[in-house]
C-alpha cells in the first residue's frame, strides 16, 4: 500500500470508495462516475461541509478534532481497528481504556439504517447522543446529533430541563431520573478517570441539587427497559416501551421505542413519521447548543 493511502486523506478516500449509499441508509441518485460514496454524502452523514471533506482528502487540512474524527468514523462505518488508525493518521491518540468511547460498530450502523422507521437513539456511556433516527428526533423534538453534537440526556434532564421523557406512568419523573443516575454511577467503574466524564459529573452536581442528591445515594445499576410517556407539543402524550439494547464489547446504550399495534401511541407515531417535522427537522433550542 502506498504512502498516500496511509495518509489521512488517502485513508478517508479509500474507505469512502468502498461504501455504497445503501450501506449507510442513503438513496442512490443518478449515474456515478466513481465507486463508493460521494464526498457530499460522507459530509452529510458526518455533519461537516463537503468542502471540509475535500480539504481533508487533498491534504489541505491535517488536524481535524477528535469529535470530527469520531463523526467520520461513524459515517464511513469503520471498525474499531480502522477507527484507531484514523485517529493516528489525524495526529490524535485513539480513546484508550478507561475513557468514554464514541465508536459505533458497523453492525450497529446497519441496524440503525434498517430500523429507521422506529424512534431509535444511540448513546455513549455518559448519555451523549451519538446518532438517532429521524423519528427519534421528531418524537423528542431534538435536532439531529450531526447538526448539534454533544446533546446529553442527563444534562437535558437535570440542568436544561428540556427532556420530555417521563418514565413509567406510575413512577413518574423520579423513576426515570433514578434510572439515569444509577446507570451513570455504574459508568464510574471503568471511566471514572476520564476527564470529560469527571467534568460532566462535576457540572451536574454543581448545577442540579436533585442530581447531587441522587448521586450521593450511591446506587449503581444498568439502565433497564422502561415504559415512558413523552409529552409532545403536537400529538400530545405518547406512551411507549423504551427497550435498552446491549452491544457486545461496547458500552453503547441503544434505546429503541415501540408501541403496541393498534394503540393510540402507534397512531401518533405514524402521524409524526409522515409529518413535515421529520423532513423539516425541529429548530434547535438555545439549550441544545
C-alpha atoms as a PDB file:
ATOM      1  CA  UNK A   1       0.000   0.000   0.000  1.00  0.00           C
ATOM      2  CA  UNK A   2       1.430   3.368  -0.988  1.00  0.00           C
ATOM      3  CA  UNK A   3       2.348   6.155   1.432  1.00  0.00           C
ATOM      4  CA  UNK A   4      -0.534   8.223   0.030  1.00  0.00           C
ATOM      5  CA  UNK A   5      -3.076   5.590   1.043  1.00  0.00           C
ATOM      6  CA  UNK A   6      -1.635   5.591   4.576  1.00  0.00           C
ATOM      7  CA  UNK A   7      -2.137   9.377   4.834  1.00  0.00           C
ATOM      8  CA  UNK A   8      -5.235  10.845   6.424  1.00  0.00           C
ATOM      9  CA  UNK A   9      -6.666  11.910   3.068  1.00  0.00           C
ATOM     10  CA  UNK A  10      -5.790   8.612   1.408  1.00  0.00           C
ATOM     11  CA  UNK A  11      -7.469   6.605   4.154  1.00  0.00           C
ATOM     12  CA  UNK A  12     -10.652   8.663   4.024  1.00  0.00           C
ATOM     13  CA  UNK A  13     -10.808   8.357   0.243  1.00  0.00           C
ATOM     14  CA  UNK A  14     -10.133   4.577   0.278  1.00  0.00           C
ATOM     15  CA  UNK A  15     -12.784   3.938   2.928  1.00  0.00           C
ATOM     16  CA  UNK A  16     -15.258   6.259   1.226  1.00  0.00           C
ATOM     17  CA  UNK A  17     -14.899   4.398  -2.074  1.00  0.00           C
ATOM     18  CA  UNK A  18     -15.718   1.011  -0.559  1.00  0.00           C
ATOM     19  CA  UNK A  19     -19.130   2.081   0.759  1.00  0.00           C
ATOM     20  CA  UNK A  20     -22.386   2.305  -1.195  1.00  0.00           C
ATOM     21  CA  UNK A  21     -25.209   4.731  -0.385  1.00  0.00           C
ATOM     22  CA  UNK A  22     -27.370   1.757   0.596  1.00  0.00           C
ATOM     23  CA  UNK A  23     -24.733   0.766   3.176  1.00  0.00           C
ATOM     24  CA  UNK A  24     -25.323   3.992   5.084  1.00  0.00           C
ATOM     25  CA  UNK A  25     -29.073   4.299   4.539  1.00  0.00           C
ATOM     26  CA  UNK A  26     -28.968   6.810   1.683  1.00  0.00           C
ATOM     27  CA  UNK A  27     -30.778   6.574  -1.664  1.00  0.00           C
ATOM     28  CA  UNK A  28     -28.636   6.403  -4.789  1.00  0.00           C
ATOM     29  CA  UNK A  29     -29.422   9.125  -7.322  1.00  0.00           C
ATOM     30  CA  UNK A  30     -28.056   9.439 -10.833  1.00  0.00           C
ATOM     31  CA  UNK A  31     -25.192   7.738 -12.566  1.00  0.00           C
ATOM     32  CA  UNK A  32     -21.975   7.523 -10.570  1.00  0.00           C
ATOM     33  CA  UNK A  33     -18.682   8.151 -12.314  1.00  0.00           C
ATOM     34  CA  UNK A  34     -16.694   6.739  -9.415  1.00  0.00           C
ATOM     35  CA  UNK A  35     -17.361   3.926  -6.977  1.00  0.00           C
ATOM     36  CA  UNK A  36     -18.422   4.383  -3.407  1.00  0.00           C
ATOM     37  CA  UNK A  37     -19.888   7.313  -1.547  1.00  0.00           C
ATOM     38  CA  UNK A  38     -19.631  10.858  -2.813  1.00  0.00           C
ATOM     39  CA  UNK A  39     -17.819  13.358  -0.626  1.00  0.00           C
ATOM     40  CA  UNK A  40     -21.100  15.224  -0.178  1.00  0.00           C
ATOM     41  CA  UNK A  41     -22.716  12.079   1.215  1.00  0.00           C
ATOM     42  CA  UNK A  42     -19.917  11.488   3.720  1.00  0.00           C
ATOM     43  CA  UNK A  43     -20.164  15.132   4.742  1.00  0.00           C
ATOM     44  CA  UNK A  44     -23.927  14.869   5.200  1.00  0.00           C
ATOM     45  CA  UNK A  45     -23.666  11.850   7.498  1.00  0.00           C
ATOM     46  CA  UNK A  46     -20.701  13.223   9.463  1.00  0.00           C
ATOM     47  CA  UNK A  47     -22.244  16.660   9.905  1.00  0.00           C
ATOM     48  CA  UNK A  48     -19.417  18.596   8.221  1.00  0.00           C
ATOM     49  CA  UNK A  49     -19.210  20.516   4.970  1.00  0.00           C
ATOM     50  CA  UNK A  50     -18.339  18.844   1.669  1.00  0.00           C
ATOM     51  CA  UNK A  51     -15.512  21.350   1.247  1.00  0.00           C
ATOM     52  CA  UNK A  52     -14.069  20.189   4.561  1.00  0.00           C
ATOM     53  CA  UNK A  53     -14.014  16.556   3.359  1.00  0.00           C
ATOM     54  CA  UNK A  54     -12.360  17.668   0.094  1.00  0.00           C
ATOM     55  CA  UNK A  55      -9.646  19.541   2.007  1.00  0.00           C
ATOM     56  CA  UNK A  56      -9.028  16.519   4.221  1.00  0.00           C
ATOM     57  CA  UNK A  57      -8.678  14.196   1.235  1.00  0.00           C
ATOM     58  CA  UNK A  58      -6.388  16.629  -0.578  1.00  0.00           C
ATOM     59  CA  UNK A  59      -4.159  17.082   2.464  1.00  0.00           C
ATOM     60  CA  UNK A  60      -5.044  20.752   2.886  1.00  0.00           C
ATOM     61  CA  UNK A  61      -6.398  20.168   6.403  1.00  0.00           C
ATOM     62  CA  UNK A  62      -4.446  17.745   8.555  1.00  0.00           C
ATOM     63  CA  UNK A  63      -5.624  18.449  12.090  1.00  0.00           C
ATOM     64  CA  UNK A  64      -9.320  17.598  12.499  1.00  0.00           C
ATOM     65  CA  UNK A  65     -10.658  17.498  16.046  1.00  0.00           C
ATOM     66  CA  UNK A  66     -11.333  14.234  17.873  1.00  0.00           C
ATOM     67  CA  UNK A  67     -15.056  14.946  17.536  1.00  0.00           C
ATOM     68  CA  UNK A  68     -14.771  15.248  13.743  1.00  0.00           C
ATOM     69  CA  UNK A  69     -12.686  12.063  13.527  1.00  0.00           C
ATOM     70  CA  UNK A  70     -15.310  10.169  15.524  1.00  0.00           C
ATOM     71  CA  UNK A  71     -18.039  11.513  13.210  1.00  0.00           C
ATOM     72  CA  UNK A  72     -16.091  10.498  10.103  1.00  0.00           C
ATOM     73  CA  UNK A  73     -15.514   7.007  11.530  1.00  0.00           C
ATOM     74  CA  UNK A  74     -19.262   6.620  12.042  1.00  0.00           C
ATOM     75  CA  UNK A  75     -20.045   7.971   8.568  1.00  0.00           C
ATOM     76  CA  UNK A  76     -17.576   5.558   6.962  1.00  0.00           C
ATOM     77  CA  UNK A  77     -18.697   2.652   9.188  1.00  0.00           C
ATOM     78  CA  UNK A  78     -15.189   1.846  10.365  1.00  0.00           C
ATOM     79  CA  UNK A  79     -14.480  -0.965  12.768  1.00  0.00           C
ATOM     80  CA  UNK A  80     -12.517  -0.345  15.975  1.00  0.00           C
ATOM     81  CA  UNK A  81      -9.091  -1.031  14.428  1.00  0.00           C
ATOM     82  CA  UNK A  82      -9.761   1.242  11.443  1.00  0.00           C
ATOM     83  CA  UNK A  83     -11.075   3.930  13.768  1.00  0.00           C
ATOM     84  CA  UNK A  84      -7.844   3.828  15.776  1.00  0.00           C
ATOM     85  CA  UNK A  85      -5.882   4.113  12.522  1.00  0.00           C
ATOM     86  CA  UNK A  86      -7.928   7.166  11.503  1.00  0.00           C
ATOM     87  CA  UNK A  87      -7.202   8.844  14.846  1.00  0.00           C
ATOM     88  CA  UNK A  88      -3.462   8.222  14.474  1.00  0.00           C
ATOM     89  CA  UNK A  89      -3.441   9.459  10.871  1.00  0.00           C
ATOM     90  CA  UNK A  90      -5.019  12.676  12.168  1.00  0.00           C
ATOM     91  CA  UNK A  91      -2.263  13.023  14.767  1.00  0.00           C
ATOM     92  CA  UNK A  92      -4.577  12.124  17.649  1.00  0.00           C
ATOM     93  CA  UNK A  93      -4.341   9.434  20.307  1.00  0.00           C
ATOM     94  CA  UNK A  94      -7.210   6.945  19.998  1.00  0.00           C
ATOM     95  CA  UNK A  95      -9.514   6.760  23.010  1.00  0.00           C
ATOM     96  CA  UNK A  96      -7.920   4.266  25.372  1.00  0.00           C
ATOM     97  CA  UNK A  97      -9.169   2.040  28.177  1.00  0.00           C
ATOM     98  CA  UNK A  98     -10.918   3.949  30.908  1.00  0.00           C
ATOM     99  CA  UNK A  99     -12.377   6.565  28.571  1.00  0.00           C
ATOM    100  CA  UNK A 100     -15.874   7.067  27.207  1.00  0.00           C
ATOM    101  CA  UNK A 101     -15.929   5.567  23.717  1.00  0.00           C
ATOM    102  CA  UNK A 102     -17.838   7.250  20.879  1.00  0.00           C
ATOM    103  CA  UNK A 103     -17.240   4.356  18.497  1.00  0.00           C
ATOM    104  CA  UNK A 104     -20.317   2.858  16.819  1.00  0.00           C
ATOM    105  CA  UNK A 105     -19.618  -0.580  15.274  1.00  0.00           C
ATOM    106  CA  UNK A 106     -20.640  -1.019  11.621  1.00  0.00           C
ATOM    107  CA  UNK A 107     -23.236  -3.599  12.635  1.00  0.00           C
ATOM    108  CA  UNK A 108     -24.981  -1.048  14.818  1.00  0.00           C
ATOM    109  CA  UNK A 109     -24.916   1.431  11.940  1.00  0.00           C
ATOM    110  CA  UNK A 110     -26.579  -1.112   9.671  1.00  0.00           C
ATOM    111  CA  UNK A 111     -29.181  -1.881  12.318  1.00  0.00           C
ATOM    112  CA  UNK A 112     -29.906   1.837  12.610  1.00  0.00           C
ATOM    113  CA  UNK A 113     -30.460   2.058   8.851  1.00  0.00           C
ATOM    114  CA  UNK A 114     -32.810  -0.937   8.824  1.00  0.00           C
ATOM    115  CA  UNK A 115     -34.834   0.293  11.803  1.00  0.00           C
ATOM    116  CA  UNK A 116     -35.157   3.864  10.552  1.00  0.00           C
ATOM    117  CA  UNK A 117     -38.944   3.761  10.857  1.00  0.00           C
ATOM    118  CA  UNK A 118     -38.680   3.477  14.662  1.00  0.00           C
ATOM    119  CA  UNK A 119     -37.606   6.048  17.262  1.00  0.00           C
ATOM    120  CA  UNK A 120     -34.083   4.809  17.986  1.00  0.00           C
ATOM    121  CA  UNK A 121     -31.215   6.639  19.698  1.00  0.00           C
ATOM    122  CA  UNK A 122     -27.610   5.537  20.220  1.00  0.00           C
ATOM    123  CA  UNK A 123     -25.898   6.951  23.306  1.00  0.00           C
ATOM    124  CA  UNK A 124     -22.384   6.816  24.696  1.00  0.00           C
ATOM    125  CA  UNK A 125     -21.900   5.613  28.277  1.00  0.00           C
ATOM    126  CA  UNK A 126     -22.200   9.205  29.548  1.00  0.00           C
ATOM    127  CA  UNK A 127     -25.580   9.532  27.760  1.00  0.00           C
ATOM    128  CA  UNK A 128     -24.301  11.772  24.993  1.00  0.00           C
ATOM    129  CA  UNK A 129     -26.426  11.224  21.884  1.00  0.00           C
ATOM    130  CA  UNK A 130     -24.236   9.885  19.073  1.00  0.00           C
ATOM    131  CA  UNK A 131     -26.802   9.256  16.377  1.00  0.00           C
ATOM    132  CA  UNK A 132     -30.532   8.691  16.009  1.00  0.00           C
ATOM    133  CA  UNK A 133     -33.292   8.030  13.523  1.00  0.00           C
ATOM    134  CA  UNK A 134     -35.389  10.913  12.151  1.00  0.00           C
ATOM    135  CA  UNK A 135     -38.431   9.652  14.054  1.00  0.00           C
ATOM    136  CA  UNK A 136     -36.479   9.852  17.328  1.00  0.00           C
ATOM    137  CA  UNK A 137     -35.611  13.472  16.552  1.00  0.00           C
ATOM    138  CA  UNK A 138     -39.240  14.220  15.732  1.00  0.00           C
ATOM    139  CA  UNK A 139     -40.685  12.417  18.767  1.00  0.00           C
ATOM    140  CA  UNK A 140     -38.347  14.048  21.254  1.00  0.00           C
ATOM    141  CA  UNK A 141     -38.210  17.386  19.383  1.00  0.00           C
ATOM    142  CA  UNK A 142     -34.440  17.328  19.120  1.00  0.00           C
ATOM    143  CA  UNK A 143     -32.122  18.398  16.307  1.00  0.00           C
ATOM    144  CA  UNK A 144     -30.071  15.594  14.726  1.00  0.00           C
ATOM    145  CA  UNK A 145     -26.803  14.832  16.532  1.00  0.00           C
ATOM    146  CA  UNK A 146     -24.894  15.643  13.338  1.00  0.00           C
ATOM    147  CA  UNK A 147     -26.269  19.185  13.382  1.00  0.00           C
ATOM    148  CA  UNK A 148     -25.974  19.794  17.126  1.00  0.00           C
ATOM    149  CA  UNK A 149     -23.356  17.379  18.531  1.00  0.00           C
ATOM    150  CA  UNK A 150     -22.852  16.885  22.237  1.00  0.00           C
ATOM    151  CA  UNK A 151     -26.514  16.634  23.265  1.00  0.00           C
ATOM    152  CA  UNK A 152     -26.560  14.884  26.614  1.00  0.00           C
ATOM    153  CA  UNK A 153     -29.716  13.311  28.027  1.00  0.00           C
ATOM    154  CA  UNK A 154     -28.625  13.716  31.663  1.00  0.00           C
ATOM    155  CA  UNK A 155     -27.842  17.417  31.152  1.00  0.00           C
ATOM    156  CA  UNK A 156     -31.183  17.884  29.381  1.00  0.00           C
ATOM    157  CA  UNK A 157     -32.986  16.135  32.243  1.00  0.00           C
ATOM    158  CA  UNK A 158     -31.342  17.732  35.281  1.00  0.00           C
ATOM    159  CA  UNK A 159     -29.860  21.047  34.082  1.00  0.00           C
ATOM    160  CA  UNK A 160     -31.572  22.303  30.933  1.00  0.00           C
ATOM    161  CA  UNK A 161     -34.933  20.809  31.926  1.00  0.00           C
ATOM    162  CA  UNK A 162     -35.647  20.200  28.217  1.00  0.00           C
ATOM    163  CA  UNK A 163     -36.185  16.442  28.324  1.00  0.00           C
ATOM    164  CA  UNK A 164     -39.754  15.413  27.509  1.00  0.00           C
ATOM    165  CA  UNK A 165     -39.265  11.835  28.730  1.00  0.00           C
ATOM    166  CA  UNK A 166     -41.050  10.649  31.862  1.00  0.00           C
ATOM    167  CA  UNK A 167     -40.513   7.049  32.881  1.00  0.00           C
ATOM    168  CA  UNK A 168     -43.293   4.752  33.989  1.00  0.00           C
ATOM    169  CA  UNK A 169     -46.777   6.272  34.146  1.00  0.00           C
ATOM    170  CA  UNK A 170     -46.865   5.121  37.776  1.00  0.00           C
ATOM    171  CA  UNK A 171     -43.331   6.107  38.855  1.00  0.00           C
ATOM    172  CA  UNK A 172     -43.298   9.431  37.030  1.00  0.00           C
ATOM    173  CA  UNK A 173     -40.200  11.531  36.534  1.00  0.00           C
ATOM    174  CA  UNK A 174     -38.491  10.134  39.635  1.00  0.00           C
ATOM    175  CA  UNK A 175     -38.222   6.609  38.203  1.00  0.00           C
ATOM    176  CA  UNK A 176     -36.593   7.916  35.043  1.00  0.00           C
ATOM    177  CA  UNK A 177     -34.202  10.192  36.935  1.00  0.00           C
ATOM    178  CA  UNK A 178     -33.118   7.415  39.282  1.00  0.00           C
ATOM    179  CA  UNK A 179     -32.527   5.042  36.366  1.00  0.00           C
ATOM    180  CA  UNK A 180     -30.314   7.583  34.587  1.00  0.00           C
ATOM    181  CA  UNK A 181     -28.240   8.404  37.662  1.00  0.00           C
ATOM    182  CA  UNK A 182     -27.787   4.749  38.639  1.00  0.00           C
ATOM    183  CA  UNK A 183     -26.570   3.925  35.135  1.00  0.00           C
ATOM    184  CA  UNK A 184     -24.191   6.884  35.170  1.00  0.00           C
ATOM    185  CA  UNK A 185     -22.883   5.740  38.576  1.00  0.00           C
ATOM    186  CA  UNK A 186     -22.164   2.349  37.048  1.00  0.00           C
ATOM    187  CA  UNK A 187     -20.040   4.012  34.362  1.00  0.00           C
ATOM    188  CA  UNK A 188     -17.594   5.293  37.003  1.00  0.00           C
ATOM    189  CA  UNK A 189     -16.393   1.708  37.484  1.00  0.00           C
ATOM    190  CA  UNK A 190     -14.427   1.896  34.234  1.00  0.00           C
ATOM    191  CA  UNK A 191     -14.469   5.564  33.177  1.00  0.00           C
ATOM    192  CA  UNK A 192     -14.097   7.410  36.456  1.00  0.00           C
ATOM    193  CA  UNK A 193     -10.722   8.827  35.398  1.00  0.00           C
ATOM    194  CA  UNK A 194     -11.954  10.108  32.027  1.00  0.00           C
ATOM    195  CA  UNK A 195     -11.506  13.929  32.239  1.00  0.00           C
ATOM    196  CA  UNK A 196     -14.629  14.602  30.200  1.00  0.00           C
ATOM    197  CA  UNK A 197     -16.713  12.259  32.328  1.00  0.00           C
ATOM    198  CA  UNK A 198     -15.362  13.776  35.553  1.00  0.00           C
ATOM    199  CA  UNK A 199     -16.221  17.254  34.246  1.00  0.00           C
ATOM    200  CA  UNK A 200     -19.753  16.115  33.377  1.00  0.00           C
ATOM    201  CA  UNK A 201     -20.360  14.784  36.899  1.00  0.00           C
ATOM    202  CA  UNK A 202     -18.928  17.955  38.473  1.00  0.00           C
ATOM    203  CA  UNK A 203     -21.208  20.127  36.304  1.00  0.00           C
ATOM    204  CA  UNK A 204     -24.272  18.065  37.164  1.00  0.00           C
ATOM    205  CA  UNK A 205     -23.530  18.099  40.892  1.00  0.00           C
ATOM    206  CA  UNK A 206     -22.931  21.839  40.863  1.00  0.00           C
ATOM    207  CA  UNK A 207     -25.931  22.852  38.777  1.00  0.00           C
ATOM    208  CA  UNK A 208     -28.549  20.313  39.882  1.00  0.00           C
ATOM    209  CA  UNK A 209     -29.250  19.694  43.562  1.00  0.00           C
ATOM    210  CA  UNK A 210     -31.633  16.943  42.505  1.00  0.00           C
ATOM    211  CA  UNK A 211     -28.843  15.122  40.627  1.00  0.00           C
ATOM    212  CA  UNK A 212     -26.418  15.622  43.520  1.00  0.00           C
ATOM    213  CA  UNK A 213     -28.888  14.076  45.971  1.00  0.00           C
ATOM    214  CA  UNK A 214     -29.471  11.032  43.772  1.00  0.00           C
ATOM    215  CA  UNK A 215     -25.751  10.693  43.013  1.00  0.00           C
ATOM    216  CA  UNK A 216     -24.872  10.718  46.711  1.00  0.00           C
ATOM    217  CA  UNK A 217     -27.196   7.754  47.291  1.00  0.00           C
ATOM    218  CA  UNK A 218     -24.526   5.688  45.549  1.00  0.00           C
ATOM    219  CA  UNK A 219     -26.935   3.404  43.711  1.00  0.00           C
ATOM    220  CA  UNK A 220     -25.394   1.772  40.616  1.00  0.00           C
ATOM    221  CA  UNK A 221     -27.359  -0.316  38.116  1.00  0.00           C
ATOM    222  CA  UNK A 222     -27.572  -0.906  34.377  1.00  0.00           C
ATOM    223  CA  UNK A 223     -30.278   1.077  32.641  1.00  0.00           C
ATOM    224  CA  UNK A 224     -33.386  -1.041  32.284  1.00  0.00           C
ATOM    225  CA  UNK A 225     -36.156  -1.077  29.717  1.00  0.00           C
ATOM    226  CA  UNK A 226     -38.916   1.281  30.818  1.00  0.00           C
ATOM    227  CA  UNK A 227     -42.365   2.404  29.846  1.00  0.00           C
ATOM    228  CA  UNK A 228     -42.112   6.106  29.062  1.00  0.00           C
ATOM    229  CA  UNK A 229     -44.601   8.843  28.410  1.00  0.00           C
ATOM    230  CA  UNK A 230     -43.390  11.524  26.023  1.00  0.00           C
ATOM    231  CA  UNK A 231     -45.050  14.928  26.246  1.00  0.00           C
ATOM    232  CA  UNK A 232     -45.105  16.003  22.589  1.00  0.00           C
ATOM    233  CA  UNK A 233     -46.240  19.551  21.706  1.00  0.00           C
ATOM    234  CA  UNK A 234     -48.158  18.427  18.593  1.00  0.00           C
ATOM    235  CA  UNK A 235     -49.565  14.925  19.145  1.00  0.00           C
ATOM    236  CA  UNK A 236     -49.812  15.075  22.941  1.00  0.00           C
ATOM    237  CA  UNK A 237     -48.784  12.302  25.320  1.00  0.00           C
ATOM    238  CA  UNK A 238     -47.261   9.213  23.704  1.00  0.00           C
ATOM    239  CA  UNK A 239     -46.779   6.201  25.986  1.00  0.00           C
ATOM    240  CA  UNK A 240     -44.228   3.785  24.570  1.00  0.00           C
ATOM    241  CA  UNK A 241     -41.944   0.910  25.534  1.00  0.00           C
ATOM    242  CA  UNK A 242     -38.310   2.026  25.502  1.00  0.00           C
ATOM    243  CA  UNK A 243     -36.022  -1.001  25.459  1.00  0.00           C
ATOM    244  CA  UNK A 244     -32.298  -0.760  26.131  1.00  0.00           C
ATOM    245  CA  UNK A 245     -30.199  -2.970  23.845  1.00  0.00           C
ATOM    246  CA  UNK A 246     -26.665  -4.075  24.713  1.00  0.00           C
ATOM    247  CA  UNK A 247     -23.869  -4.412  22.154  1.00  0.00           C
ATOM    248  CA  UNK A 248     -21.116  -6.996  22.848  1.00  0.00           C
ATOM    249  CA  UNK A 249     -17.705  -5.421  23.528  1.00  0.00           C
ATOM    250  CA  UNK A 250     -19.281  -1.966  23.571  1.00  0.00           C
ATOM    251  CA  UNK A 251     -20.549   0.458  26.194  1.00  0.00           C
ATOM    252  CA  UNK A 252     -23.215   1.952  23.950  1.00  0.00           C
ATOM    253  CA  UNK A 253     -26.780   2.414  25.130  1.00  0.00           C
ATOM    254  CA  UNK A 254     -29.203   1.778  22.258  1.00  0.00           C
ATOM    255  CA  UNK A 255     -32.751   2.844  23.070  1.00  0.00           C
ATOM    256  CA  UNK A 256     -35.492   1.511  20.786  1.00  0.00           C
ATOM    257  CA  UNK A 257     -39.040   2.784  21.288  1.00  0.00           C
ATOM    258  CA  UNK A 258     -42.088   0.820  20.175  1.00  0.00           C
ATOM    259  CA  UNK A 259     -45.843   0.792  20.755  1.00  0.00           C
ATOM    260  CA  UNK A 260     -48.441  -1.966  20.601  1.00  0.00           C
ATOM    261  CA  UNK A 261     -50.150  -2.437  17.232  1.00  0.00           C
ATOM    262  CA  UNK A 262     -53.434  -0.582  17.010  1.00  0.00           C
ATOM    263  CA  UNK A 263     -52.708   1.600  20.049  1.00  0.00           C
ATOM    264  CA  UNK A 264     -53.119   5.365  20.221  1.00  0.00           C
ATOM    265  CA  UNK A 265     -49.366   5.643  20.554  1.00  0.00           C
ATOM    266  CA  UNK A 266     -48.890   3.784  17.259  1.00  0.00           C
ATOM    267  CA  UNK A 267     -51.284   6.202  15.565  1.00  0.00           C
ATOM    268  CA  UNK A 268     -49.400   9.184  16.954  1.00  0.00           C
ATOM    269  CA  UNK A 269     -46.041   7.790  15.862  1.00  0.00           C
ATOM    270  CA  UNK A 270     -47.477   7.294  12.367  1.00  0.00           C
ATOM    271  CA  UNK A 271     -48.547  10.956  12.338  1.00  0.00           C
ATOM    272  CA  UNK A 272     -45.050  12.035  13.313  1.00  0.00           C
ATOM    273  CA  UNK A 273     -43.470   9.671  10.802  1.00  0.00           C
ATOM    274  CA  UNK A 274     -45.460  11.245   7.997  1.00  0.00           C
ATOM    275  CA  UNK A 275     -45.333  14.807   9.243  1.00  0.00           C
ATOM    276  CA  UNK A 276     -43.235  17.662   7.962  1.00  0.00           C
ATOM    277  CA  UNK A 277     -41.331  17.649  11.245  1.00  0.00           C
ATOM    278  CA  UNK A 278     -39.078  14.856  10.041  1.00  0.00           C
ATOM    279  CA  UNK A 279     -38.320  16.415   6.692  1.00  0.00           C
ATOM    280  CA  UNK A 280     -38.051  19.925   8.049  1.00  0.00           C
ATOM    281  CA  UNK A 281     -36.386  18.893  11.333  1.00  0.00           C
ATOM    282  CA  UNK A 282     -37.152  20.690  14.576  1.00  0.00           C
ATOM    283  CA  UNK A 283     -35.486  24.043  15.172  1.00  0.00           C
ATOM    284  CA  UNK A 284     -32.791  23.732  17.858  1.00  0.00           C
ATOM    285  CA  UNK A 285     -33.369  25.455  21.188  1.00  0.00           C
ATOM    286  CA  UNK A 286     -30.521  27.578  22.624  1.00  0.00           C
ATOM    287  CA  UNK A 287     -30.226  24.971  25.391  1.00  0.00           C
ATOM    288  CA  UNK A 288     -29.053  22.354  22.865  1.00  0.00           C
ATOM    289  CA  UNK A 289     -26.045  24.280  21.565  1.00  0.00           C
END
